[in-house]
Each structure stands twice: as structure tokens, then as C-alpha cells.
């Protein structure tokens, strides 16, 4: 250390404010159908290839893709990531059940 310079000790503090996680359902999704079924799903393929599913509790935004991949963002804990993805799974199950009933 050069003479006359003080040694600086950095002690940062951390806070998790946003977790981004991904999941793979390993099935194809009908994004048009999901968007028609739920007002919480917004799908405009001309602007973005995925559907946006807004979850209110826990607060999160999920990007749903046709190939079954999901990106979850906006949560602060891994438990909330799981809760948000579970809500997407429940929505998908309801949609698939309604399609089977119409067949």
C-alpha cells in the first residue's frame, strides 16, 4: 500500500429484490386459448412470442412460451417462485380440462 493512503474496508449490505427463475413443463401450450380463458393472461404474438401471466399473490409476472417453458420474475423468495408457477400450472390444468370436455 502506498504511503499516506488509508486502507478502505468495504462492508456491503445485501437485499434480494427480484428473483428470476425458469421452469420447463415439457408440453406444448395453447397460448391463444389460455389468453381467451383468463383475463390475467395477455398474449400478443406480433409484439412478443410469449404470453404474460400476471400473478397477484405472490406478486409475480410469468412468461409462458408455446414450448412449455416458463420464466418467472418479480418474486423475492424461492417459495414465492414455486407458488407463482403452481398458479400457472393450475390455470393450464383448467384450460386442458375445458378443452377435453368440449371434445
Protein backbone atom coordinates (compact mmCIF):
# COMPACT_ATOMS: atom_id res chain seq x y z
CA UNK A 1 0.00 0.00 0.00
CA UNK A 2 1.29 3.45 -0.90
CA UNK A 3 2.44 5.64 1.93
CA UNK A 4 -0.19 8.05 3.21
CA UNK A 5 -3.20 6.12 1.86
CA UNK A 6 -5.76 4.66 4.20
CA UNK A 7 -6.92 1.11 3.77
CA UNK A 8 -10.58 1.01 2.82
CA UNK A 9 -12.70 -1.87 4.07
CA UNK A 10 -15.96 -2.36 2.19
CA UNK A 11 -18.85 -3.97 4.02
CA UNK A 12 -21.79 -4.05 1.61
CA UNK A 13 -25.29 -4.92 2.68
CA UNK A 14 -27.48 -7.15 0.51
CA UNK A 15 -31.19 -7.36 -0.10
CA UNK A 16 -32.94 -9.64 -2.57
CA UNK A 17 -35.43 -7.57 -4.56
CA UNK A 18 -36.06 -9.75 -7.61
CA UNK A 19 -35.58 -13.41 -8.42
CA UNK A 20 -35.71 -14.66 -12.00
CA UNK A 21 -36.37 -18.38 -12.38
CA UNK A 22 -37.26 -20.70 -15.21
CA UNK A 23 -39.25 -23.90 -15.44
CA UNK A 24 -40.00 -26.41 -18.19
CA UNK A 25 -43.41 -28.10 -18.25
CA UNK A 26 -42.28 -30.37 -21.10
CA UNK A 27 -45.51 -29.94 -23.05
CA UNK A 28 -46.81 -27.56 -25.70
CA UNK A 29 -49.09 -24.74 -24.59
CA UNK A 30 -52.00 -23.13 -26.44
CA UNK A 31 -51.25 -19.51 -25.62
CA UNK A 32 -54.25 -18.20 -27.54
CA UNK A 33 -56.56 -20.47 -25.57
CA UNK A 34 -55.03 -19.54 -22.23
CA UNK A 35 -55.39 -15.84 -23.05
CA UNK A 36 -59.06 -16.32 -24.01
CA UNK A 37 -59.72 -18.28 -20.82
CA UNK A 38 -58.13 -15.87 -18.35
CA UNK A 39 -58.08 -12.07 -18.24
CA UNK A 40 -54.77 -12.37 -16.33
CA UNK A 41 -53.01 -13.74 -19.42
CA UNK A 42 -52.00 -11.29 -22.14
CA UNK A 43 -50.85 -12.71 -25.47
CA UNK A 44 -49.93 -10.54 -28.44
CA UNK A 45 -47.63 -12.65 -30.66
CA UNK A 46 -46.99 -9.74 -33.03
CA UNK A 47 -45.22 -7.93 -30.19
CA UNK A 48 -43.73 -10.80 -28.14
CA UNK A 49 -43.67 -14.59 -28.66
CA UNK A 50 -44.73 -15.40 -25.11
CA UNK A 51 -47.88 -14.87 -23.08
CA UNK A 52 -47.63 -12.76 -19.93
CA UNK A 53 -49.42 -14.19 -16.90
CA UNK A 54 -49.69 -11.71 -14.04
CA UNK A 55 -49.99 -13.31 -10.61
CA UNK A 56 -51.26 -11.09 -7.81
CA UNK A 57 -50.39 -13.19 -4.75
CA UNK A 58 -47.47 -13.55 -4.62
CA UNK A 59 -46.82 -10.65 -6.93
CA UNK A 60 -45.05 -12.03 -9.99
CA UNK A 61 -45.03 -11.98 -13.77
CA UNK A 62 -44.66 -15.23 -15.67
CA UNK A 63 -43.74 -15.50 -19.31
CA UNK A 64 -45.35 -18.58 -20.82
CA UNK A 65 -43.98 -19.92 -24.09
CA UNK A 66 -45.56 -22.31 -26.59
CA UNK A 67 -42.86 -24.94 -25.95
CA UNK A 68 -43.87 -25.16 -22.25
CA UNK A 69 -41.06 -23.07 -20.85
CA UNK A 70 -41.86 -20.52 -18.13
CA UNK A 71 -39.84 -17.58 -16.87
CA UNK A 72 -40.91 -16.21 -13.50
CA UNK A 73 -39.80 -12.77 -12.36
CA UNK A 74 -40.65 -10.30 -9.65
CA UNK A 75 -40.65 -12.50 -6.56
CA UNK A 76 -38.33 -12.14 -3.59
CA UNK A 77 -38.18 -15.73 -2.36
CA UNK A 78 -37.89 -19.16 -3.94
CA UNK A 79 -41.06 -20.19 -2.08
CA UNK A 80 -42.94 -17.44 -3.91
CA UNK A 81 -41.45 -18.60 -7.23
CA UNK A 82 -42.92 -22.05 -6.56
CA UNK A 83 -46.30 -20.58 -5.56
CA UNK A 84 -46.47 -18.45 -8.72
CA UNK A 85 -45.53 -21.34 -11.01
CA UNK A 86 -48.09 -23.56 -9.26
CA UNK A 87 -50.77 -20.98 -10.12
CA UNK A 88 -49.73 -21.15 -13.78
CA UNK A 89 -49.92 -24.95 -13.65
CA UNK A 90 -53.43 -24.78 -12.16
CA UNK A 91 -54.53 -22.40 -14.93
CA UNK A 92 -53.10 -24.73 -17.57
CA UNK A 93 -54.82 -27.75 -15.99
CA UNK A 94 -58.18 -25.91 -16.01
CA UNK A 95 -57.71 -24.97 -19.66
CA UNK A 96 -56.75 -28.52 -20.69
CA UNK A 97 -59.75 -29.93 -18.78
CA UNK A 98 -62.12 -27.47 -20.52
CA UNK A 99 -60.71 -28.44 -23.93
CA UNK A 100 -61.24 -32.15 -23.19
CA UNK A 101 -64.85 -31.51 -22.14
CA UNK A 102 -65.56 -29.77 -25.47
CA UNK A 103 -64.14 -32.70 -27.46
